[in-house]
N, C-alpha and C. Protein backbone atom coordinates (compact mmCIF):
# COMPACT_ATOMS: atom_id res chain seq x y z
N MET A 1 -45.25 86.65 28.76
CA MET A 1 -46.25 86.36 29.75
C MET A 1 -45.59 86.35 31.12
N VAL A 2 -46.10 87.15 32.04
CA VAL A 2 -45.54 87.23 33.38
C VAL A 2 -46.24 86.20 34.27
N PRO A 3 -45.48 85.35 34.95
CA PRO A 3 -46.07 84.36 35.83
C PRO A 3 -46.92 85.01 36.92
N ALA A 4 -47.94 84.30 37.37
CA ALA A 4 -48.92 84.85 38.30
C ALA A 4 -48.29 85.37 39.59
N MET A 5 -47.34 84.64 40.17
CA MET A 5 -46.82 85.06 41.45
C MET A 5 -46.15 86.42 41.37
N ALA A 6 -45.67 86.80 40.20
CA ALA A 6 -45.00 88.09 40.05
C ALA A 6 -45.96 89.23 40.32
N LYS A 7 -47.25 88.99 40.16
CA LYS A 7 -48.25 90.03 40.35
C LYS A 7 -48.75 90.09 41.79
N VAL A 8 -48.39 89.12 42.58
CA VAL A 8 -48.86 89.05 43.96
C VAL A 8 -47.80 89.63 44.87
N GLU A 9 -48.21 90.57 45.66
CA GLU A 9 -47.26 91.19 46.59
C GLU A 9 -47.45 90.56 47.96
N ASN A 10 -46.76 89.47 48.18
CA ASN A 10 -46.81 88.75 49.44
C ASN A 10 -45.48 88.87 50.14
N ASP A 11 -45.52 88.64 51.44
CA ASP A 11 -44.26 88.50 52.15
C ASP A 11 -43.80 87.06 51.98
N PHE A 12 -42.54 86.81 52.24
CA PHE A 12 -42.01 85.48 52.00
C PHE A 12 -42.71 84.41 52.83
N GLN A 13 -43.03 84.69 54.07
CA GLN A 13 -43.66 83.67 54.92
C GLN A 13 -44.99 83.21 54.31
N THR A 14 -45.75 84.13 53.73
CA THR A 14 -47.01 83.77 53.08
C THR A 14 -46.74 82.84 51.89
N VAL A 15 -45.71 83.16 51.11
CA VAL A 15 -45.37 82.34 49.95
C VAL A 15 -44.90 80.96 50.41
N TRP A 16 -44.04 80.89 51.43
CA TRP A 16 -43.55 79.61 51.93
C TRP A 16 -44.71 78.75 52.44
N THR A 17 -45.62 79.35 53.18
CA THR A 17 -46.79 78.62 53.68
C THR A 17 -47.61 78.07 52.52
N ASP A 18 -47.77 78.88 51.48
CA ASP A 18 -48.52 78.45 50.29
C ASP A 18 -47.83 77.26 49.62
N ILE A 19 -46.51 77.30 49.52
CA ILE A 19 -45.75 76.19 48.93
C ILE A 19 -45.97 74.92 49.75
N CYS A 20 -45.88 75.04 51.07
CA CYS A 20 -46.04 73.88 51.95
C CYS A 20 -47.44 73.27 51.86
N VAL A 21 -48.44 74.10 51.60
CA VAL A 21 -49.82 73.62 51.52
C VAL A 21 -50.14 73.05 50.13
N ARG A 22 -49.68 73.69 49.08
CA ARG A 22 -50.05 73.32 47.71
C ARG A 22 -49.31 72.13 47.12
N PHE A 23 -48.08 71.92 47.54
CA PHE A 23 -47.27 70.89 46.90
C PHE A 23 -47.18 69.65 47.77
N HIS A 24 -47.02 68.49 47.12
CA HIS A 24 -47.01 67.22 47.84
C HIS A 24 -46.07 66.23 47.14
N ALA A 25 -45.70 65.21 47.88
CA ALA A 25 -44.84 64.16 47.33
C ALA A 25 -45.49 63.55 46.10
N GLY A 26 -44.68 63.32 45.08
CA GLY A 26 -45.16 62.72 43.84
C GLY A 26 -45.61 63.72 42.80
N GLN A 27 -45.71 64.97 43.17
CA GLN A 27 -46.16 66.00 42.23
C GLN A 27 -45.05 66.33 41.24
N HIS A 28 -45.39 66.42 39.96
CA HIS A 28 -44.44 66.76 38.90
C HIS A 28 -44.58 68.24 38.56
N ILE A 29 -43.44 68.90 38.42
CA ILE A 29 -43.42 70.33 38.10
C ILE A 29 -42.52 70.51 36.88
N THR A 30 -43.01 71.26 35.92
CA THR A 30 -42.24 71.52 34.70
C THR A 30 -41.76 72.96 34.70
N THR A 31 -40.47 73.13 34.52
CA THR A 31 -39.94 74.49 34.38
C THR A 31 -40.21 74.94 32.96
N LYS A 32 -40.41 76.24 32.79
CA LYS A 32 -40.71 76.79 31.47
C LYS A 32 -39.91 78.05 31.23
N SER A 33 -39.66 78.31 29.96
CA SER A 33 -39.00 79.54 29.56
C SER A 33 -39.93 80.72 29.83
N LEU A 34 -39.43 81.74 30.49
CA LEU A 34 -40.23 82.95 30.72
C LEU A 34 -40.55 83.64 29.41
N ALA A 35 -39.58 83.66 28.50
CA ALA A 35 -39.75 84.38 27.23
C ALA A 35 -40.71 83.67 26.28
N THR A 36 -40.61 82.34 26.20
CA THR A 36 -41.38 81.62 25.19
C THR A 36 -42.49 80.74 25.75
N GLY A 37 -42.40 80.40 27.05
CA GLY A 37 -43.38 79.50 27.64
C GLY A 37 -43.11 78.04 27.31
N VAL A 38 -42.00 77.78 26.61
CA VAL A 38 -41.67 76.41 26.21
C VAL A 38 -41.15 75.64 27.42
N PRO A 39 -41.70 74.44 27.66
CA PRO A 39 -41.23 73.62 28.78
C PRO A 39 -39.74 73.29 28.65
N SER A 40 -39.05 73.27 29.79
CA SER A 40 -37.62 73.02 29.78
C SER A 40 -37.31 71.65 30.37
N SER A 41 -37.64 71.45 31.63
CA SER A 41 -37.40 70.16 32.27
C SER A 41 -38.48 69.92 33.32
N THR A 42 -38.62 68.67 33.71
CA THR A 42 -39.62 68.31 34.71
C THR A 42 -38.92 67.68 35.89
N PHE A 43 -39.35 68.06 37.09
CA PHE A 43 -38.83 67.45 38.29
C PHE A 43 -39.99 66.98 39.16
N THR A 44 -39.68 66.14 40.14
CA THR A 44 -40.70 65.54 40.99
C THR A 44 -40.41 65.87 42.45
N VAL A 45 -41.45 66.24 43.17
CA VAL A 45 -41.34 66.48 44.60
C VAL A 45 -41.29 65.11 45.29
N LEU A 46 -40.22 64.86 46.03
CA LEU A 46 -40.11 63.61 46.79
C LEU A 46 -40.70 63.74 48.20
N ARG A 47 -40.37 64.89 48.85
CA ARG A 47 -40.85 65.12 50.22
C ARG A 47 -41.01 66.62 50.46
N MET A 48 -42.01 66.93 51.27
CA MET A 48 -42.17 68.27 51.79
C MET A 48 -41.84 68.18 53.27
N GLU A 49 -40.85 68.94 53.71
CA GLU A 49 -40.46 68.97 55.11
C GLU A 49 -40.68 70.39 55.64
N PRO A 50 -40.72 70.58 56.94
CA PRO A 50 -41.02 71.91 57.47
C PRO A 50 -40.06 73.01 57.01
N ASP A 51 -38.80 72.67 56.75
CA ASP A 51 -37.83 73.69 56.37
C ASP A 51 -37.17 73.45 55.02
N ARG A 52 -37.70 72.51 54.25
CA ARG A 52 -37.10 72.21 52.94
C ARG A 52 -38.07 71.41 52.07
N VAL A 53 -37.72 71.39 50.78
CA VAL A 53 -38.42 70.56 49.80
C VAL A 53 -37.36 69.66 49.17
N VAL A 54 -37.66 68.38 49.05
CA VAL A 54 -36.71 67.44 48.45
C VAL A 54 -37.28 67.02 47.10
N ILE A 55 -36.46 67.17 46.05
CA ILE A 55 -36.90 66.88 44.68
C ILE A 55 -35.93 65.91 44.01
N THR A 56 -36.36 65.42 42.86
CA THR A 56 -35.48 64.66 41.97
C THR A 56 -35.92 64.94 40.53
N CYS A 57 -35.01 64.71 39.61
CA CYS A 57 -35.34 64.80 38.19
C CYS A 57 -34.39 63.89 37.44
N PRO A 58 -34.72 63.55 36.20
CA PRO A 58 -33.93 62.57 35.46
C PRO A 58 -32.43 62.87 35.37
N HIS A 59 -32.04 64.14 35.27
CA HIS A 59 -30.62 64.44 35.10
C HIS A 59 -29.86 64.59 36.43
N LEU A 60 -30.57 64.50 37.55
CA LEU A 60 -29.90 64.54 38.85
C LEU A 60 -29.54 63.13 39.28
N ARG A 61 -28.41 63.01 39.95
CA ARG A 61 -28.08 61.73 40.56
C ARG A 61 -28.59 61.81 41.99
N GLY A 62 -29.58 61.01 42.30
CA GLY A 62 -30.15 61.05 43.64
C GLY A 62 -31.18 62.15 43.77
N GLU A 63 -31.17 62.79 44.92
CA GLU A 63 -32.16 63.82 45.19
C GLU A 63 -31.48 65.14 45.53
N ARG A 64 -32.25 66.21 45.46
CA ARG A 64 -31.74 67.53 45.82
C ARG A 64 -32.66 68.11 46.89
N SER A 65 -32.06 68.54 47.97
CA SER A 65 -32.79 69.17 49.06
C SER A 65 -32.68 70.69 48.90
N ILE A 66 -33.81 71.35 48.84
CA ILE A 66 -33.82 72.81 48.68
C ILE A 66 -34.36 73.42 49.97
N HIS A 67 -33.49 74.08 50.70
CA HIS A 67 -33.85 74.64 52.00
C HIS A 67 -34.72 75.89 51.85
N ARG A 68 -35.48 76.14 52.87
CA ARG A 68 -36.35 77.32 52.93
C ARG A 68 -35.55 78.60 52.64
N ASP A 69 -34.33 78.70 53.15
CA ASP A 69 -33.51 79.89 52.93
C ASP A 69 -33.21 80.11 51.44
N ALA A 70 -33.04 79.02 50.69
CA ALA A 70 -32.83 79.14 49.24
C ALA A 70 -34.09 79.66 48.56
N PHE A 71 -35.26 79.20 49.04
CA PHE A 71 -36.52 79.72 48.51
C PHE A 71 -36.64 81.22 48.81
N LYS A 72 -36.17 81.63 49.98
CA LYS A 72 -36.23 83.06 50.32
C LYS A 72 -35.36 83.87 49.38
N GLN A 73 -34.16 83.37 49.07
CA GLN A 73 -33.29 84.06 48.12
C GLN A 73 -33.95 84.10 46.73
N GLY A 74 -34.59 83.01 46.34
CA GLY A 74 -35.32 82.99 45.08
C GLY A 74 -36.46 83.98 45.05
N PHE A 75 -37.15 84.11 46.18
CA PHE A 75 -38.25 85.06 46.32
C PHE A 75 -37.74 86.49 46.07
N LEU A 76 -36.57 86.79 46.59
CA LEU A 76 -35.99 88.12 46.40
C LEU A 76 -35.55 88.35 44.95
N ALA A 77 -35.13 87.28 44.26
CA ALA A 77 -34.68 87.39 42.87
C ALA A 77 -35.83 87.32 41.86
N TRP A 78 -36.99 86.80 42.28
CA TRP A 78 -38.12 86.57 41.38
C TRP A 78 -38.53 87.81 40.57
N PRO A 79 -38.68 88.98 41.19
CA PRO A 79 -39.08 90.15 40.38
C PRO A 79 -38.07 90.47 39.27
N LYS A 80 -36.79 90.36 39.56
CA LYS A 80 -35.76 90.62 38.53
C LYS A 80 -35.86 89.59 37.41
N TYR A 81 -36.12 88.34 37.76
CA TYR A 81 -36.28 87.30 36.75
C TYR A 81 -37.47 87.62 35.85
N CYS A 82 -38.58 88.02 36.47
CA CYS A 82 -39.79 88.33 35.69
C CYS A 82 -39.60 89.54 34.78
N GLU A 83 -38.71 90.44 35.17
CA GLU A 83 -38.40 91.61 34.33
C GLU A 83 -37.42 91.26 33.21
N GLY A 84 -36.85 90.05 33.26
CA GLY A 84 -35.88 89.64 32.25
C GLY A 84 -34.45 90.03 32.61
N ALA A 85 -34.23 90.51 33.84
CA ALA A 85 -32.90 90.95 34.25
C ALA A 85 -31.98 89.77 34.61
N ILE A 86 -32.55 88.59 34.79
CA ILE A 86 -31.75 87.39 35.05
C ILE A 86 -31.92 86.48 33.83
N PRO A 87 -30.88 86.33 33.02
CA PRO A 87 -31.00 85.51 31.81
C PRO A 87 -31.31 84.05 32.15
N GLU A 88 -32.24 83.48 31.41
CA GLU A 88 -32.67 82.10 31.66
C GLU A 88 -31.54 81.10 31.51
N ASP A 89 -30.65 81.34 30.57
CA ASP A 89 -29.58 80.36 30.36
C ASP A 89 -28.59 80.33 31.53
N THR A 90 -28.61 81.33 32.40
CA THR A 90 -27.71 81.33 33.56
C THR A 90 -28.28 80.52 34.73
N ILE A 91 -29.57 80.23 34.69
CA ILE A 91 -30.17 79.49 35.81
C ILE A 91 -30.66 78.10 35.43
N ARG A 92 -30.56 77.73 34.17
CA ARG A 92 -31.08 76.44 33.72
C ARG A 92 -30.50 75.31 34.55
N ASP A 93 -31.37 74.44 35.06
CA ASP A 93 -30.99 73.26 35.85
C ASP A 93 -30.20 73.60 37.11
N THR A 94 -30.44 74.78 37.64
CA THR A 94 -29.85 75.14 38.92
C THR A 94 -30.95 75.13 39.97
N THR A 95 -30.55 75.24 41.22
CA THR A 95 -31.55 75.30 42.30
C THR A 95 -32.56 76.41 42.04
N LEU A 96 -32.09 77.54 41.55
CA LEU A 96 -32.98 78.66 41.28
C LEU A 96 -34.03 78.31 40.22
N SER A 97 -33.65 77.54 39.22
CA SER A 97 -34.64 77.16 38.20
C SER A 97 -35.72 76.28 38.81
N PHE A 98 -35.36 75.40 39.74
CA PHE A 98 -36.36 74.57 40.40
C PHE A 98 -37.27 75.43 41.27
N ILE A 99 -36.70 76.37 42.00
CA ILE A 99 -37.49 77.26 42.85
C ILE A 99 -38.47 78.06 42.00
N PHE A 100 -37.99 78.59 40.88
CA PHE A 100 -38.88 79.35 40.00
C PHE A 100 -39.97 78.45 39.42
N GLY A 101 -39.69 77.16 39.25
CA GLY A 101 -40.72 76.21 38.82
C GLY A 101 -41.87 76.16 39.82
N PHE A 102 -41.53 76.16 41.10
CA PHE A 102 -42.57 76.20 42.14
C PHE A 102 -43.33 77.53 42.07
N PHE A 103 -42.59 78.64 41.98
CA PHE A 103 -43.23 79.95 41.97
C PHE A 103 -44.22 80.10 40.82
N ARG A 104 -43.89 79.53 39.67
CA ARG A 104 -44.78 79.64 38.50
C ARG A 104 -46.13 79.00 38.76
N MET A 105 -46.16 78.02 39.65
CA MET A 105 -47.42 77.31 39.91
C MET A 105 -48.23 77.92 41.05
N LEU A 106 -47.73 78.96 41.66
CA LEU A 106 -48.50 79.60 42.73
C LEU A 106 -49.53 80.55 42.16
């Protein structure tokens, strides 16, 4: 199953604006396996800031700030991930896995 955002041909600014509008503090996001759809881990949005998203999850100590530039790099990698060219086990619990968690919900 290909995530919805993979079918949308947007520029990054449109995607970033959508992320800033759709997500809010306290929202829980579950990452899922692209191949099986099985949930992997859940993280929580702590803050939405103009140039970053701050999250936390049970296995992190403290919080993780994900800058807009990291989302842009994820945006560029997203099509390869959806094609299966980026193995899931290489991104598990990395910043990219959290970014892809956001993308799956767009």
